[in-house]
Amino acid sequence: ALASIFITMGKGTMNVTGYLFGSIYTLDMADLLLVGGVTLIVL
């Protein structure tokens, strides 16, 4: 509900599509370090 309200309020000025869908092929080194750190903590 909140997402619908905020997207409607900013209609035409925002594009959240890139955050709705992702691709593992776009990972960079910073992302790998973040995932590696979280994985280490979980382990």
All heavy atoms as atom14 arrays in JSON, in Angstrom:
{
  "sequence": "ALASIFITMGKGTMNVTGYLFGSIYTLDMADLLLVGGVTLIVL",
  "atom14_mask": [
    [1, 1, 1, 1, 1, 0, 0, 0, 0, 0, 0, 0, 0, 0],
    [1, 1, 1, 1, 1, 1, 1, 1, 0, 0, 0, 0, 0, 0],
    [1, 1, 1, 1, 1, 0, 0, 0, 0, 0, 0, 0, 0, 0],
    [1, 1, 1, 1, 1, 1, 0, 0, 0, 0, 0, 0, 0, 0],
    [1, 1, 1, 1, 1, 1, 1, 1, 0, 0, 0, 0, 0, 0],
    [1, 1, 1, 1, 1, 1, 1, 1, 1, 1, 1, 0, 0, 0],
    [1, 1, 1, 1, 1, 1, 1, 1, 0, 0, 0, 0, 0, 0],
    [1, 1, 1, 1, 1, 1, 1, 0, 0, 0, 0, 0, 0, 0],
    [1, 1, 1, 1, 1, 1, 1, 1, 0, 0, 0, 0, 0, 0],
    [1, 1, 1, 1, 0, 0, 0, 0, 0, 0, 0, 0, 0, 0],
    [1, 1, 1, 1, 1, 1, 1, 1, 1, 0, 0, 0, 0, 0],
    [1, 1, 1, 1, 0, 0, 0, 0, 0, 0, 0, 0, 0, 0],
    [1, 1, 1, 1, 1, 1, 1, 0, 0, 0, 0, 0, 0, 0],
    [1, 1, 1, 1, 1, 1, 1, 1, 0, 0, 0, 0, 0, 0],
    [1, 1, 1, 1, 1, 1, 1, 1, 0, 0, 0, 0, 0, 0],
    [1, 1, 1, 1, 1, 1, 1, 0, 0, 0, 0, 0, 0, 0],
    [1, 1, 1, 1, 1, 1, 1, 0, 0, 0, 0, 0, 0, 0],
    [1, 1, 1, 1, 0, 0, 0, 0, 0, 0, 0, 0, 0, 0],
    [1, 1, 1, 1, 1, 1, 1, 1, 1, 1, 1, 1, 0, 0],
    [1, 1, 1, 1, 1, 1, 1, 1, 0, 0, 0, 0, 0, 0],
    [1, 1, 1, 1, 1, 1, 1, 1, 1, 1, 1, 0, 0, 0],
    [1, 1, 1, 1, 0, 0, 0, 0, 0, 0, 0, 0, 0, 0],
    [1, 1, 1, 1, 1, 1, 0, 0, 0, 0, 0, 0, 0, 0],
    [1, 1, 1, 1, 1, 1, 1, 1, 0, 0, 0, 0, 0, 0],
    [1, 1, 1, 1, 1, 1, 1, 1, 1, 1, 1, 1, 0, 0],
    [1, 1, 1, 1, 1, 1, 1, 0, 0, 0, 0, 0, 0, 0],
    [1, 1, 1, 1, 1, 1, 1, 1, 0, 0, 0, 0, 0, 0],
    [1, 1, 1, 1, 1, 1, 1, 1, 0, 0, 0, 0, 0, 0],
    [1, 1, 1, 1, 1, 1, 1, 1, 0, 0, 0, 0, 0, 0],
    [1, 1, 1, 1, 1, 0, 0, 0, 0, 0, 0, 0, 0, 0],
    [1, 1, 1, 1, 1, 1, 1, 1, 0, 0, 0, 0, 0, 0],
    [1, 1, 1, 1, 1, 1, 1, 1, 0, 0, 0, 0, 0, 0],
    [1, 1, 1, 1, 1, 1, 1, 1, 0, 0, 0, 0, 0, 0],
    [1, 1, 1, 1, 1, 1, 1, 1, 0, 0, 0, 0, 0, 0],
    [1, 1, 1, 1, 1, 1, 1, 0, 0, 0, 0, 0, 0, 0],
    [1, 1, 1, 1, 0, 0, 0, 0, 0, 0, 0, 0, 0, 0],
    [1, 1, 1, 1, 0, 0, 0, 0, 0, 0, 0, 0, 0, 0],
    [1, 1, 1, 1, 1, 1, 1, 0, 0, 0, 0, 0, 0, 0],
    [1, 1, 1, 1, 1, 1, 1, 0, 0, 0, 0, 0, 0, 0],
    [1, 1, 1, 1, 1, 1, 1, 1, 0, 0, 0, 0, 0, 0],
    [1, 1, 1, 1, 1, 1, 1, 1, 0, 0, 0, 0, 0, 0],
    [1, 1, 1, 1, 1, 1, 1, 0, 0, 0, 0, 0, 0, 0],
    [1, 1, 1, 1, 1, 1, 1, 1, 0, 0, 0, 0, 0, 0]
  ],
  "atom14_positions": [
    [[0.83, -1.21, 0.0], [0.0, 0.0, 0.0], [0.86, 1.26, 0.0], [0.61, 2.2, -0.78], [-0.92, -0.02, 1.22], [0.0, 0.0, 0.0], [0.0, 0.0, 0.0], [0.0, 0.0, 0.0], [0.0, 0.0, 0.0], [0.0, 0.0, 0.0], [0.0, 0.0, 0.0], [0.0, 0.0, 0.0], [0.0, 0.0, 0.0], [0.0, 0.0, 0.0]],
    [[1.89, 1.29, 0.87], [2.77, 2.46, 0.9], [3.51, 2.64, -0.42], [3.66, 3.76, -0.92], [3.77, 2.32, 2.05], [3.25, 2.6, 3.46], [4.34, 2.33, 4.49], [2.77, 4.05, 3.57], [0.0, 0.0, 0.0], [0.0, 0.0, 0.0], [0.0, 0.0, 0.0], [0.0, 0.0, 0.0], [0.0, 0.0, 0.0], [0.0, 0.0, 0.0]],
    [[3.99, 1.53, -0.99], [4.69, 1.63, -2.27], [3.78, 2.19, -3.35], [4.19, 3.04, -4.16], [5.22, 0.25, -2.68], [0.0, 0.0, 0.0], [0.0, 0.0, 0.0], [0.0, 0.0, 0.0], [0.0, 0.0, 0.0], [0.0, 0.0, 0.0], [0.0, 0.0, 0.0], [0.0, 0.0, 0.0], [0.0, 0.0, 0.0], [0.0, 0.0, 0.0]],
    [[2.53, 1.74, -3.37], [1.58, 2.25, -4.37], [1.34, 3.74, -4.19], [1.28, 4.5, -5.17], [0.26, 1.48, -4.26], [0.45, 0.09, -4.47], [0.0, 0.0, 0.0], [0.0, 0.0, 0.0], [0.0, 0.0, 0.0], [0.0, 0.0, 0.0], [0.0, 0.0, 0.0], [0.0, 0.0, 0.0], [0.0, 0.0, 0.0], [0.0, 0.0, 0.0]],
    [[1.19, 4.17, -2.94], [0.95, 5.59, -2.66], [2.14, 6.44, -3.11], [1.99, 7.46, -3.8], [0.66, 5.8, -1.16], [-0.67, 5.15, -0.79], [0.65, 7.3, -0.82], [-0.95, 5.14, 0.7], [0.0, 0.0, 0.0], [0.0, 0.0, 0.0], [0.0, 0.0, 0.0], [0.0, 0.0, 0.0], [0.0, 0.0, 0.0], [0.0, 0.0, 0.0]],
    [[3.36, 6.03, -2.72], [4.54, 6.82, -3.05], [4.81, 6.85, -4.55], [5.19, 7.88, -5.11], [5.77, 6.27, -2.31], [5.69, 6.43, -0.82], [6.26, 5.47, 0.02], [5.06, 7.51, -0.24], [6.2, 5.6, 1.39], [4.99, 7.66, 1.14], [5.55, 6.7, 1.96], [0.0, 0.0, 0.0], [0.0, 0.0, 0.0], [0.0, 0.0, 0.0]],
    [[4.62, 5.7, -5.22], [4.84, 5.66, -6.67], [3.82, 6.53, -7.38], [4.15, 7.23, -8.35], [4.77, 4.2, -7.17], [5.96, 3.41, -6.64], [4.75, 4.16, -8.7], [5.91, 1.93, -6.95], [0.0, 0.0, 0.0], [0.0, 0.0, 0.0], [0.0, 0.0, 0.0], [0.0, 0.0, 0.0], [0.0, 0.0, 0.0], [0.0, 0.0, 0.0]],
    [[2.58, 6.54, -6.89], [1.55, 7.38, -7.5], [1.86, 8.86, -7.29], [1.68, 9.69, -8.19], [0.17, 7.05, -6.9], [-0.11, 5.67, -7.11], [-0.92, 7.89, -7.54], [0.0, 0.0, 0.0], [0.0, 0.0, 0.0], [0.0, 0.0, 0.0], [0.0, 0.0, 0.0], [0.0, 0.0, 0.0], [0.0, 0.0, 0.0], [0.0, 0.0, 0.0]],
    [[2.34, 9.21, -6.08], [2.69, 10.61, -5.8], [3.83, 11.1, -6.69], [3.87, 12.27, -7.06], [3.07, 10.75, -4.33], [1.92, 10.55, -3.36], [2.45, 10.56, -1.63], [3.11, 12.22, -1.49], [0.0, 0.0, 0.0], [0.0, 0.0, 0.0], [0.0, 0.0, 0.0], [0.0, 0.0, 0.0], [0.0, 0.0, 0.0], [0.0, 0.0, 0.0]],
    [[4.75, 10.2, -7.01], [5.89, 10.61, -7.85], [5.78, 10.13, -9.27], [6.8, 9.91, -9.93], [0.0, 0.0, 0.0], [0.0, 0.0, 0.0], [0.0, 0.0, 0.0], [0.0, 0.0, 0.0], [0.0, 0.0, 0.0], [0.0, 0.0, 0.0], [0.0, 0.0, 0.0], [0.0, 0.0, 0.0], [0.0, 0.0, 0.0], [0.0, 0.0, 0.0]],
    [[4.57, 9.94, -9.75], [4.35, 9.41, -11.09], [5.0, 10.31, -12.13], [4.8, 11.52, -12.16], [2.85, 9.3, -11.37], [2.53, 8.56, -12.65], [1.03, 8.38, -12.81], [0.72, 7.58, -14.08], [-0.75, 7.38, -14.24], [0.0, 0.0, 0.0], [0.0, 0.0, 0.0], [0.0, 0.0, 0.0], [0.0, 0.0, 0.0], [0.0, 0.0, 0.0]],
    [[5.83, 9.68, -12.98], [6.52, 10.42, -14.02], [7.88, 10.94, -13.6], [8.65, 11.4, -14.44], [0.0, 0.0, 0.0], [0.0, 0.0, 0.0], [0.0, 0.0, 0.0], [0.0, 0.0, 0.0], [0.0, 0.0, 0.0], [0.0, 0.0, 0.0], [0.0, 0.0, 0.0], [0.0, 0.0, 0.0], [0.0, 0.0, 0.0], [0.0, 0.0, 0.0]],
    [[8.21, 10.87, -12.3], [9.49, 11.39, -11.82], [10.37, 10.3, -11.23], [11.48, 10.59, -10.82], [9.26, 12.47, -10.76], [8.56, 11.89, -9.64], [8.46, 13.62, -11.32], [0.0, 0.0, 0.0], [0.0, 0.0, 0.0], [0.0, 0.0, 0.0], [0.0, 0.0, 0.0], [0.0, 0.0, 0.0], [0.0, 0.0, 0.0], [0.0, 0.0, 0.0]],
    [[9.89, 9.07, -11.15], [10.7, 8.0, -10.56], [10.54, 6.73, -11.4], [9.55, 6.53, -12.1], [10.27, 7.73, -9.11], [8.87, 7.13, -8.96], [8.5, 6.66, -7.25], [8.49, 8.25, -6.47], [0.0, 0.0, 0.0], [0.0, 0.0, 0.0], [0.0, 0.0, 0.0], [0.0, 0.0, 0.0], [0.0, 0.0, 0.0], [0.0, 0.0, 0.0]],
    [[11.57, 5.9, -11.31], [11.57, 4.62, -12.01], [12.13, 3.56, -11.07], [13.34, 3.48, -10.85], [12.42, 4.71, -13.28], [12.43, 3.41, -14.05], [11.57, 2.55, -13.84], [13.4, 3.25, -14.94], [0.0, 0.0, 0.0], [0.0, 0.0, 0.0], [0.0, 0.0, 0.0], [0.0, 0.0, 0.0], [0.0, 0.0, 0.0], [0.0, 0.0, 0.0]],
    [[11.23, 2.78, -10.49], [11.64, 1.76, -9.52], [11.77, 0.39, -10.17], [12.02, -0.6, -9.48], [10.63, 1.68, -8.35], [10.56, 2.99, -7.61], [9.24, 1.29, -8.86], [0.0, 0.0, 0.0], [0.0, 0.0, 0.0], [0.0, 0.0, 0.0], [0.0, 0.0, 0.0], [0.0, 0.0, 0.0], [0.0, 0.0, 0.0], [0.0, 0.0, 0.0]],
    [[11.62, 0.33, -11.49], [11.69, -0.97, -12.17], [13.04, -1.63, -11.96], [13.13, -2.85, -11.79], [11.43, -0.79, -13.68], [10.19, -0.11, -13.86], [11.38, -2.13, -14.38], [0.0, 0.0, 0.0], [0.0, 0.0, 0.0], [0.0, 0.0, 0.0], [0.0, 0.0, 0.0], [0.0, 0.0, 0.0], [0.0, 0.0, 0.0], [0.0, 0.0, 0.0]],
    [[14.1, -0.82, -11.96], [15.44, -1.38, -11.77], [15.64, -2.0, -10.41], [16.53, -2.83, -10.22], [0.0, 0.0, 0.0], [0.0, 0.0, 0.0], [0.0, 0.0, 0.0], [0.0, 0.0, 0.0], [0.0, 0.0, 0.0], [0.0, 0.0, 0.0], [0.0, 0.0, 0.0], [0.0, 0.0, 0.0], [0.0, 0.0, 0.0], [0.0, 0.0, 0.0]],
    [[14.82, -1.59, -9.44], [14.91, -2.16, -8.09], [13.97, -3.34, -7.9], [14.13, -4.1, -6.96], [14.6, -1.08, -7.05], [15.6, 0.04, -7.03], [15.44, 1.16, -7.84], [16.74, -0.01, -6.23], [16.36, 2.19, -7.84], [17.66, 1.01, -6.22], [17.47, 2.11, -7.03], [18.39, 3.12, -7.03], [0.0, 0.0, 0.0], [0.0, 0.0, 0.0]],
    [[12.99, -3.47, -8.78], [12.07, -4.6, -8.69], [12.69, -5.87, -9.26], [12.41, -6.98, -8.8], [10.78, -4.28, -9.45], [9.89, -3.21, -8.83], [8.75, -2.87, -9.79], [9.32, -3.66, -7.51], [0.0, 0.0, 0.0], [0.0, 0.0, 0.0], [0.0, 0.0, 0.0], [0.0, 0.0, 0.0], [0.0, 0.0, 0.0], [0.0, 0.0, 0.0]],
    [[13.53, -5.72, -10.27], [14.14, -6.87, -10.94], [15.65, -6.67, -10.95], [16.14, -5.6, -11.27], [13.62, -7.01, -12.37], [12.12, -7.02, -12.46], [11.42, -5.87, -12.8], [11.41, -8.17, -12.17], [10.04, -5.87, -12.88], [10.03, -8.18, -12.24], [9.34, -7.02, -12.59], [0.0, 0.0, 0.0], [0.0, 0.0, 0.0], [0.0, 0.0, 0.0]],
    [[16.37, -7.71, -10.62], [17.82, -7.64, -10.6], [18.43, -8.77, -11.4], [17.74, -9.68, -11.87], [0.0, 0.0, 0.0], [0.0, 0.0, 0.0], [0.0, 0.0, 0.0], [0.0, 0.0, 0.0], [0.0, 0.0, 0.0], [0.0, 0.0, 0.0], [0.0, 0.0, 0.0], [0.0, 0.0, 0.0], [0.0, 0.0, 0.0], [0.0, 0.0, 0.0]],
    [[19.73, -8.71, -11.59], [20.45, -9.75, -12.33], [21.76, -10.01, -11.62], [22.49, -9.08, -11.25], [20.72, -9.32, -13.77], [21.52, -10.29, -14.42], [0.0, 0.0, 0.0], [0.0, 0.0, 0.0], [0.0, 0.0, 0.0], [0.0, 0.0, 0.0], [0.0, 0.0, 0.0], [0.0, 0.0, 0.0], [0.0, 0.0, 0.0], [0.0, 0.0, 0.0]],
    [[22.06, -11.29, -11.42], [23.3, -11.65, -10.73], [24.52, -11.3, -11.57], [25.63, -11.16, -11.05], [23.28, -13.16, -10.39], [24.37, -13.48, -9.36], [23.45, -14.0, -11.65], [24.29, -14.89, -8.83], [0.0, 0.0, 0.0], [0.0, 0.0, 0.0], [0.0, 0.0, 0.0], [0.0, 0.0, 0.0], [0.0, 0.0, 0.0], [0.0, 0.0, 0.0]],
    [[24.33, -11.1, -12.88], [25.44, -10.76, -13.75], [25.9, -9.31, -13.57], [26.93, -8.93, -14.13], [25.07, -11.0, -15.21], [24.86, -12.45, -15.54], [23.6, -12.93, -15.86], [25.92, -13.35, -15.51], [23.39, -14.26, -16.16], [25.72, -14.69, -15.8], [24.46, -15.14, -16.12], [24.28, -16.46, -16.41], [0.0, 0.0, 0.0], [0.0, 0.0, 0.0]],
    [[25.15, -8.52, -12.84], [25.53, -7.12, -12.63], [26.32, -6.92, -11.34], [26.59, -5.78, -10.96], [24.28, -6.22, -12.6], [23.42, -6.63, -11.51], [23.5, -6.32, -13.9], [0.0, 0.0, 0.0], [0.0, 0.0, 0.0], [0.0, 0.0, 0.0], [0.0, 0.0, 0.0], [0.0, 0.0, 0.0], [0.0, 0.0, 0.0], [0.0, 0.0, 0.0]],
    [[26.67, -7.99, -10.65], [27.43, -7.86, -9.42], [28.8, -7.25, -9.69], [29.48, -7.63, -10.65], [27.62, -9.23, -8.75], [26.38, -9.89, -8.14], [26.74, -11.28, -7.62], [25.82, -9.06, -7.01], [0.0, 0.0, 0.0], [0.0, 0.0, 0.0], [0.0, 0.0, 0.0], [0.0, 0.0, 0.0], [0.0, 0.0, 0.0], [0.0, 0.0, 0.0]],
    [[29.21, -6.31, -8.84], [30.56, -5.79, -8.92], [31.33, -6.22, -7.67], [30.82, -6.94, -6.83], [30.56, -4.27, -9.08], [29.77, -3.56, -7.98], [29.54, -4.18, -6.92], [29.39, -2.4, -8.18], [0.0, 0.0, 0.0], [0.0, 0.0, 0.0], [0.0, 0.0, 0.0], [0.0, 0.0, 0.0], [0.0, 0.0, 0.0], [0.0, 0.0, 0.0]],
    [[32.57, -5.75, -7.54], [33.41, -6.19, -6.42], [32.85, -5.73, -5.08], [32.94, -6.46, -4.07], [34.83, -5.64, -6.62], [35.83, -6.21, -5.62], [35.88, -8.02, -5.6], [36.48, -8.34, -7.25], [0.0, 0.0, 0.0], [0.0, 0.0, 0.0], [0.0, 0.0, 0.0], [0.0, 0.0, 0.0], [0.0, 0.0, 0.0], [0.0, 0.0, 0.0]],
    [[32.26, -4.54, -5.03], [31.66, -4.07, -3.78], [30.5, -4.97, -3.35], [30.36, -5.3, -2.16], [31.18, -2.63, -3.94], [0.0, 0.0, 0.0], [0.0, 0.0, 0.0], [0.0, 0.0, 0.0], [0.0, 0.0, 0.0], [0.0, 0.0, 0.0], [0.0, 0.0, 0.0], [0.0, 0.0, 0.0], [0.0, 0.0, 0.0], [0.0, 0.0, 0.0]],
    [[29.69, -5.39, -4.32], [28.59, -6.3, -4.01], [29.11, -7.64, -3.5], [28.57, -8.22, -2.54], [27.72, -6.52, -5.24], [27.04, -5.25, -5.72], [26.71, -4.41, -4.87], [26.87, -5.1, -6.95], [0.0, 0.0, 0.0], [0.0, 0.0, 0.0], [0.0, 0.0, 0.0], [0.0, 0.0, 0.0], [0.0, 0.0, 0.0], [0.0, 0.0, 0.0]],
    [[30.18, -8.15, -4.12], [30.75, -9.42, -3.68], [31.29, -9.32, -2.26], [31.14, -10.25, -1.46], [31.86, -9.85, -4.63], [31.43, -10.46, -5.96], [32.66, -10.9, -6.75], [30.51, -11.65, -5.73], [0.0, 0.0, 0.0], [0.0, 0.0, 0.0], [0.0, 0.0, 0.0], [0.0, 0.0, 0.0], [0.0, 0.0, 0.0], [0.0, 0.0, 0.0]],
    [[31.94, -8.2, -1.95], [32.46, -8.03, -0.58], [31.33, -7.98, 0.42], [31.42, -8.55, 1.52], [33.3, -6.75, -0.51], [34.63, -6.78, -1.28], [35.3, -5.42, -1.22], [35.55, -7.86, -0.73], [0.0, 0.0, 0.0], [0.0, 0.0, 0.0], [0.0, 0.0, 0.0], [0.0, 0.0, 0.0], [0.0, 0.0, 0.0], [0.0, 0.0, 0.0]],
    [[30.24, -7.31, 0.06], [29.08, -7.24, 0.95], [28.47, -8.62, 1.16], [28.21, -9.04, 2.31], [28.04, -6.28, 0.39], [26.74, -6.13, 1.19], [27.03, -5.61, 2.58], [25.76, -5.22, 0.46], [0.0, 0.0, 0.0], [0.0, 0.0, 0.0], [0.0, 0.0, 0.0], [0.0, 0.0, 0.0], [0.0, 0.0, 0.0], [0.0, 0.0, 0.0]],
    [[28.26, -9.36, 0.06], [27.69, -10.71, 0.17], [28.63, -11.63, 0.94], [28.2, -12.44, 1.77], [27.4, -11.27, -1.24], [26.94, -12.72, -1.15], [26.33, -10.43, -1.93], [0.0, 0.0, 0.0], [0.0, 0.0, 0.0], [0.0, 0.0, 0.0], [0.0, 0.0, 0.0], [0.0, 0.0, 0.0], [0.0, 0.0, 0.0], [0.0, 0.0, 0.0]],
    [[29.93, -11.5, 0.69], [30.9, -12.32, 1.4], [30.91, -12.04, 2.89], [30.99, -12.96, 3.7], [0.0, 0.0, 0.0], [0.0, 0.0, 0.0], [0.0, 0.0, 0.0], [0.0, 0.0, 0.0], [0.0, 0.0, 0.0], [0.0, 0.0, 0.0], [0.0, 0.0, 0.0], [0.0, 0.0, 0.0], [0.0, 0.0, 0.0], [0.0, 0.0, 0.0]],
    [[30.81, -10.76, 3.27], [30.77, -10.41, 4.69], [29.53, -10.96, 5.38], [29.61, -11.52, 6.49], [0.0, 0.0, 0.0], [0.0, 0.0, 0.0], [0.0, 0.0, 0.0], [0.0, 0.0, 0.0], [0.0, 0.0, 0.0], [0.0, 0.0, 0.0], [0.0, 0.0, 0.0], [0.0, 0.0, 0.0], [0.0, 0.0, 0.0], [0.0, 0.0, 0.0]],
    [[28.38, -10.81, 4.73], [27.14, -11.34, 5.3], [27.2, -12.86, 5.41], [26.78, -13.45, 6.42], [25.93, -10.89, 4.46], [24.65, -11.54, 4.98], [25.79, -9.38, 4.5], [0.0, 0.0, 0.0], [0.0, 0.0, 0.0], [0.0, 0.0, 0.0], [0.0, 0.0, 0.0], [0.0, 0.0, 0.0], [0.0, 0.0, 0.0], [0.0, 0.0, 0.0]],
    [[27.74, -13.51, 4.37], [27.86, -14.97, 4.41], [28.76, -15.43, 5.55], [28.45, -16.4, 6.25], [28.42, -15.49, 3.07], [27.57, -15.07, 2.0], [28.52, -17.0, 3.07], [0.0, 0.0, 0.0], [0.0, 0.0, 0.0], [0.0, 0.0, 0.0], [0.0, 0.0, 0.0], [0.0, 0.0, 0.0], [0.0, 0.0, 0.0], [0.0, 0.0, 0.0]],
    [[29.86, -14.73, 5.76], [30.77, -15.08, 6.86], [30.07, -14.95, 8.21], [30.2, -15.81, 9.08], [32.01, -14.18, 6.8], [33.05, -14.41, 7.91], [33.59, -15.83, 7.86], [34.18, -13.4, 7.79], [0.0, 0.0, 0.0], [0.0, 0.0, 0.0], [0.0, 0.0, 0.0], [0.0, 0.0, 0.0], [0.0, 0.0, 0.0], [0.0, 0.0, 0.0]],
    [[29.31, -13.86, 8.39], [28.6, -13.67, 9.66], [27.58, -14.78, 9.87], [27.46, -15.34, 10.98], [27.92, -12.28, 9.66], [28.97, -11.17, 9.68], [26.98, -12.14, 10.86], [28.4, -9.79, 9.52], [0.0, 0.0, 0.0], [0.0, 0.0, 0.0], [0.0, 0.0, 0.0], [0.0, 0.0, 0.0], [0.0, 0.0, 0.0], [0.0, 0.0, 0.0]],
    [[26.84, -15.12, 8.82], [25.84, -16.19, 8.93], [26.51, -17.52, 9.26], [26.03, -18.28, 10.12], [25.03, -16.28, 7.63], [24.14, -17.53, 7.64], [24.17, -15.05, 7.44], [0.0, 0.0, 0.0], [0.0, 0.0, 0.0], [0.0, 0.0, 0.0], [0.0, 0.0, 0.0], [0.0, 0.0, 0.0], [0.0, 0.0, 0.0], [0.0, 0.0, 0.0]],
    [[27.62, -17.83, 8.62], [28.33, -19.07, 8.88], [28.83, -19.14, 10.32], [28.75, -20.19, 10.98], [29.5, -19.24, 7.92], [29.14, -19.52, 6.46], [30.4, -19.53, 5.6], [28.42, -20.86, 6.33], [0.0, 0.0, 0.0], [0.0, 0.0, 0.0], [0.0, 0.0, 0.0], [0.0, 0.0, 0.0], [0.0, 0.0, 0.0], [0.0, 0.0, 0.0]]
  ]
}
